[in-house]
Amino acid sequence: MKALKAYFLSLQLRGKLLLASLVVIGALIWLTVFSGKAGVFWRKESGRLATIKRQETVLKSRDAVEQRAVTASATLKPGSSLNANELSSQLNQILMGAGIRNASSSIVPAKDAPNSKLSLHSVRASASNVSWDSLRNFYEAVEKRRPYIAIDELTVNFTPQTAMHSIAVKVSSIQVTQ
């Protein structure tokens, strides 16, 4: 260390300034990289903390949510609820009735809550060359079947060349078992 100090002191002022400026530039680069990584860490950590807080809120209100689910399931008619195949058939009928002819659909595996009278069934469908009126008719037809059928996800893409839309939709239904 003494040798470095002696070498530095033996340099002319111009060399000292150049060496000091290189050290300062290196420190600034290191500080910039460090602050960027610290920012990424902080954003991930705050997102994780927010997720944990939401989970705690949901877990605290679990009894109230389960009570509302039991109350809601009592108002549903088992004969009007749909299993996965019935939902797929109903969705195809709704699509055809709305004027969407070229749709393809697939059934999503069911989600059953343990010890529950309810099963959630979902079907994904997609279609291209859909007019705005057909899309609106489809939405209104699904809304008429609420609460037994509901739209979970709907993605609409517009194609300017044809002035038509392509859609991807996930429709779900609750099946009430006795």
Foldseek 3Di string as FASTA:
>chain_A
DVVVVVVLVPDDPVVNVVVVVVVVVVVVVVVVVVVVVVVVVVVVVVVVVVVVVVVVVCVVCVVVVVVVVVVVLVPDDLVLADDQVRVVVVLQVLLVVLVQDAKDKDWDDKDDDPPAQKIKTKMKMKGWQAAPSSVVSSQVVQVVSPPFKDWPDKDWDADVVNRGIIMMTMMMGMRGHD
